[in-house]
Amino acid sequence: MPLKNLEAIHEKARAHLDDYVAGLDTELGSDLKAVSVYGSATGADFVPGRSDINLAAVLGRLDEDVLTRLLDVVKWGIGKRIVPPLMLTPEYIEASLDVFPIEFLEIRDSHVVIMGDDYFSSLEVDRDRLRLECESQLKAAVLRTRQAYLEIGWRKKGAERVLTTSLTSLIPVFRAMLRLKGLAPPRGKADVVAALGDAFGVETATFLAVLRDKAGDERIEGVEAHAVLARYIDEISDLAGAADAL
């Protein structure tokens, strides 16, 4: 089955999609209902050789036999930076919108259907559930980064990795915060952070500095990363308070 909408995928992310989806189709046959690409491969933040390619596969049934048949295809894809696909059924999507509102909105707003029907464009989530997940994830990030600050301590090694990993995981939460304000979130990470600061009147300079820094030298734009981690905790705490007040 020829793939569709590939022009909407970053050109460097397209190379192995035909073979990968053909492998899924061979193993799953009529059980495979749709495949979508989502995340950075459909936007401006994709970095060839560094960014992963994320797929969501919708199946008519999902059991151990289905998973076992996909092992070889998935193993091949991992070597091409195609991460194991998100395996869903229509029933699972419908039953899980209330517990994963951020995640499903991220797929809805970034996905490109390359095979089969579109199961995501019409998704809607409950605003209260979305606000609660934003608050939960931000407060959890505060707790984790406080622990990391103490664990790293005087060694001051590993703070830069903690910052970049934490911030990357929170970009979807930032987009959701903008949605709660009635705003259409940008796709680019830096644009999301800038819009977040404007919308909530909170300081986001540390977030932007972490996004810009690529040196890997335990410093963020010339400042010791461990010290930046302390400021980062303050900014996340302010955002958690903003989520609580929404």
Protein backbone atom coordinates (compact mmCIF):
# COMPACT_ATOMS: atom_id res chain seq x y z
CA MET A 1 0.00 0.00 0.00
CA PRO A 2 1.62 3.31 -1.04
CA LEU A 3 2.06 5.80 1.76
CA LYS A 4 0.41 9.23 1.69
CA ASN A 5 1.18 12.73 2.96
CA LEU A 6 4.94 12.13 3.02
CA GLU A 7 5.53 15.71 1.89
CA ALA A 8 4.48 16.78 5.40
CA ILE A 9 7.29 14.72 6.97
CA HIS A 10 10.85 16.07 7.30
CA GLU A 11 12.72 14.83 4.25
CA LYS A 12 15.42 13.15 6.35
CA ALA A 13 12.78 11.25 8.32
CA ARG A 14 11.07 9.76 5.25
CA ALA A 15 13.86 7.47 4.06
CA HIS A 16 12.83 4.23 5.77
CA LEU A 17 9.11 4.75 6.34
CA ASP A 18 8.04 2.82 3.24
CA ASP A 19 9.99 -0.28 4.29
CA TYR A 20 8.93 0.03 7.91
CA VAL A 21 5.20 0.35 7.24
CA ALA A 22 5.45 -2.41 4.62
CA GLY A 23 6.92 -4.60 7.37
CA LEU A 24 4.06 -3.73 9.70
CA ASP A 25 1.54 -4.47 6.96
CA THR A 26 3.14 -7.82 6.13
CA GLU A 27 3.04 -8.94 9.76
CA LEU A 28 -0.35 -7.52 10.72
CA GLY A 29 -2.43 -7.56 7.54
CA SER A 30 -6.02 -6.47 8.14
CA ASP A 31 -5.31 -5.91 11.85
CA LEU A 32 -3.35 -2.76 10.92
CA LYS A 33 -5.85 0.08 10.54
CA ALA A 34 -3.65 3.19 10.39
CA VAL A 35 -0.15 4.57 10.90
CA SER A 36 0.65 8.19 11.74
CA VAL A 37 3.93 10.02 12.26
CA TYR A 38 3.89 12.53 15.12
CA GLY A 39 6.32 14.69 17.03
CA SER A 40 9.42 16.47 15.77
CA ALA A 41 9.55 14.64 12.42
CA THR A 42 6.49 16.65 11.35
CA GLY A 43 7.87 20.03 12.44
CA ALA A 44 10.82 22.38 12.41
CA ASP A 45 12.59 20.91 15.47
CA PHE A 46 13.65 17.66 13.77
CA VAL A 47 17.44 17.21 13.83
CA PRO A 48 18.70 14.51 11.42
CA GLY A 49 20.85 11.95 13.21
CA ARG A 50 19.65 13.08 16.65
CA SER A 51 15.87 13.22 16.62
CA ASP A 52 13.80 10.06 16.86
CA ILE A 53 10.93 9.24 14.50
CA ASN A 54 7.70 8.58 16.40
CA LEU A 55 4.83 6.51 15.02
CA ALA A 56 1.35 5.72 16.30
CA ALA A 57 -0.14 2.50 14.93
CA VAL A 58 -3.87 1.84 15.33
CA LEU A 59 -4.83 -1.84 15.29
CA GLY A 60 -8.09 -3.74 15.27
CA ARG A 61 -6.77 -6.03 17.99
CA LEU A 62 -3.74 -5.96 20.23
CA ASP A 63 -2.46 -9.04 22.06
CA GLU A 64 0.76 -10.97 22.69
CA ASP A 65 0.63 -12.62 19.27
CA VAL A 66 0.49 -9.23 17.55
CA LEU A 67 3.40 -7.88 19.58
CA THR A 68 5.52 -10.97 18.93
CA ARG A 69 5.04 -10.71 15.18
CA LEU A 70 6.42 -7.16 15.25
CA LEU A 71 9.69 -7.87 17.04
CA ASP A 72 11.89 -8.13 13.93
CA VAL A 73 10.36 -5.07 12.25
CA VAL A 74 10.75 -2.97 15.39
CA LYS A 75 14.35 -4.13 15.90
CA TRP A 76 15.19 -3.07 12.33
CA GLY A 77 13.51 0.29 12.83
CA ILE A 78 15.40 1.09 16.01
CA GLY A 79 18.60 1.09 13.96
CA LYS A 80 17.00 3.75 11.74
CA ARG A 81 15.96 5.91 14.73
CA ILE A 82 12.34 4.79 14.41
CA VAL A 83 11.34 4.15 18.00
CA PRO A 84 8.94 1.27 18.79
CA PRO A 85 5.53 2.52 17.68
CA LEU A 86 2.80 3.58 20.05
CA MET A 87 0.39 0.66 19.73
CA LEU A 88 -3.27 1.64 20.11
CA THR A 89 -6.75 0.42 19.41
CA PRO A 90 -9.73 2.73 18.80
CA GLU A 91 -11.23 1.51 22.08
CA TYR A 92 -8.04 2.30 24.02
CA ILE A 93 -7.91 5.83 22.59
CA GLU A 94 -11.50 6.53 23.57
CA ALA A 95 -11.06 5.10 27.07
CA SER A 96 -7.75 6.88 27.77
CA LEU A 97 -8.39 10.50 26.79
CA ASP A 98 -9.23 11.33 30.41
CA VAL A 99 -5.91 10.07 31.81
CA PHE A 100 -3.54 11.09 28.99
CA PRO A 101 -4.99 14.40 27.75
CA ILE A 102 -1.60 16.06 27.15
CA GLU A 103 -0.20 13.09 25.27
CA PHE A 104 -3.20 12.68 22.99
CA LEU A 105 -3.37 16.42 22.26
CA GLU A 106 0.31 16.34 21.29
CA ILE A 107 -0.43 13.55 18.82
CA ARG A 108 -3.55 15.30 17.56
CA ASP A 109 -1.75 18.56 16.84
CA SER A 110 1.42 17.14 15.29
CA HIS A 111 0.39 13.91 13.57
CA VAL A 112 0.48 13.15 9.87
CA VAL A 113 -1.47 10.10 8.68
CA ILE A 114 0.70 8.11 6.27
CA MET A 115 -1.49 5.01 6.03
CA GLY A 116 -5.16 4.30 6.72
CA ASP A 117 -7.73 6.46 8.49
CA ASP A 118 -7.31 9.45 10.79
CA TYR A 119 -8.08 8.53 14.40
CA PHE A 120 -6.69 11.69 16.02
CA SER A 121 -7.85 14.92 14.36
CA SER A 122 -11.26 14.89 16.02
CA LEU A 123 -10.04 14.15 19.54
CA GLU A 124 -11.27 16.43 22.32
CA VAL A 125 -10.27 16.32 25.98
CA ASP A 126 -11.86 17.58 29.17
CA ARG A 127 -10.39 20.90 30.27
CA ASP A 128 -10.32 19.97 33.96
CA ARG A 129 -8.46 16.75 33.19
CA LEU A 130 -5.96 18.68 31.08
CA ARG A 131 -5.37 21.26 33.82
CA LEU A 132 -4.91 18.54 36.42
CA GLU A 133 -2.32 16.68 34.34
CA CYS A 134 -0.41 19.93 33.74
CA GLU A 135 -0.31 20.65 37.46
CA SER A 136 0.66 17.06 38.27
CA GLN A 137 3.53 16.93 35.77
CA LEU A 138 4.91 20.33 36.76
CA LYS A 139 4.83 19.56 40.48
CA ALA A 140 6.42 16.17 39.83
CA ALA A 141 9.17 17.94 37.84
CA VAL A 142 9.82 20.23 40.81
CA LEU A 143 10.23 17.23 43.12
CA ARG A 144 12.51 15.38 40.69
CA THR A 145 14.79 18.35 40.03
CA ARG A 146 15.08 19.14 43.74
CA GLN A 147 16.21 15.56 44.29
CA ALA A 148 18.65 15.86 41.40
CA TYR A 149 20.07 19.09 42.83
CA LEU A 150 20.77 17.34 46.13
CA GLU A 151 22.11 14.17 44.52
CA ILE A 152 24.50 16.06 42.25
CA GLY A 153 25.50 18.27 45.16
CA TRP A 154 29.12 19.33 45.37
CA ARG A 155 30.10 16.99 42.52
CA LYS A 156 28.27 19.33 40.13
CA LYS A 157 28.34 16.63 37.46
CA GLY A 158 25.23 15.74 35.54
CA ALA A 159 23.26 18.94 36.08
CA GLU A 160 23.25 19.83 32.37
CA ARG A 161 21.82 16.44 31.43
CA VAL A 162 19.11 16.78 34.08
CA LEU A 163 18.16 20.21 32.73
CA THR A 164 17.94 19.18 29.08
CA THR A 165 16.07 15.94 29.82
CA SER A 166 13.58 17.63 32.13
CA LEU A 167 12.91 20.57 29.84
CA THR A 168 12.41 18.36 26.80
CA SER A 169 9.84 16.29 28.69
CA LEU A 170 7.97 19.43 29.78
CA ILE A 171 7.55 21.05 26.34
CA PRO A 172 4.24 19.16 25.80
CA VAL A 173 3.07 20.42 29.20
CA PHE A 174 3.92 23.98 28.19
CA ARG A 175 1.88 23.57 25.02
CA ALA A 176 -1.03 22.27 27.08
CA MET A 177 -0.76 25.29 29.38
CA LEU A 178 -1.13 27.54 26.35
CA ARG A 179 -4.19 25.57 25.23
CA LEU A 180 -5.72 26.13 28.66
CA LYS A 181 -5.29 29.86 28.05
CA GLY A 182 -7.21 29.50 24.79
CA LEU A 183 -4.07 29.92 22.68
CA ALA A 184 -2.86 27.84 19.75
CA PRO A 185 0.62 26.65 20.79
CA PRO A 186 3.53 27.05 18.35
CA ARG A 187 5.39 23.93 17.21
CA GLY A 188 8.96 25.15 17.82
CA LYS A 189 10.30 24.66 21.35
CA ALA A 190 11.75 28.15 21.74
CA ASP A 191 8.54 29.68 20.41
CA VAL A 192 6.52 27.65 22.92
CA VAL A 193 8.68 28.87 25.81
CA ALA A 194 8.47 32.50 24.68
CA ALA A 195 4.68 32.27 24.32
CA LEU A 196 4.43 30.64 27.75
CA GLY A 197 6.23 33.54 29.42
CA ASP A 198 3.98 36.08 27.71
CA ALA A 199 0.77 34.19 28.49
CA PHE A 200 1.45 33.60 32.20
CA GLY A 201 3.74 36.49 33.07
CA VAL A 202 6.42 34.15 34.40
CA GLU A 203 10.18 34.20 33.90
CA THR A 204 11.37 31.74 31.26
CA ALA A 205 14.94 32.94 30.64
CA THR A 206 16.41 29.77 32.13
CA PHE A 207 14.31 27.57 29.84
CA LEU A 208 15.48 29.50 26.79
CA ALA A 209 19.12 29.34 27.90
CA VAL A 210 18.91 25.54 28.29
CA LEU A 211 17.37 25.22 24.82
CA ARG A 212 20.12 27.31 23.25
CA ASP A 213 23.03 25.59 24.97
CA LYS A 214 24.52 22.59 23.16
CA ALA A 215 28.05 22.53 24.60
CA GLY A 216 27.78 19.61 27.04
CA ASP A 217 30.36 21.17 29.36
CA GLU A 218 28.32 21.38 32.60
CA ARG A 219 27.75 25.06 31.91
CA ILE A 220 24.71 26.83 30.49
CA GLU A 221 25.77 29.84 28.45
CA GLY A 222 28.84 30.27 30.64
CA VAL A 223 27.07 29.71 33.97
CA GLU A 224 27.65 26.63 36.10
CA ALA A 225 24.83 24.18 35.28
CA HIS A 226 24.28 23.28 38.93
CA ALA A 227 23.47 26.92 39.70
CA VAL A 228 21.17 27.08 36.67
CA LEU A 229 19.37 24.00 38.00
CA ALA A 230 18.40 25.94 41.13
CA ARG A 231 16.89 28.75 38.99
CA TYR A 232 15.15 26.18 36.84
CA ILE A 233 13.41 24.76 39.92
CA ASP A 234 12.12 28.24 40.77
CA GLU A 235 10.69 28.76 37.27
CA ILE A 236 8.99 25.35 37.23
CA SER A 237 7.54 26.07 40.69
CA ASP A 238 6.08 29.35 39.43
CA LEU A 239 4.47 27.54 36.50
CA ALA A 240 3.04 24.86 38.79
CA GLY A 241 1.43 27.63 40.79
CA ALA A 242 0.01 29.11 37.60
CA ALA A 243 -1.45 25.71 36.64
CA ASP A 244 -3.01 25.38 40.09
CA ALA A 245 -4.72 28.77 39.64
CA LEU A 246 -6.19 28.08 36.21
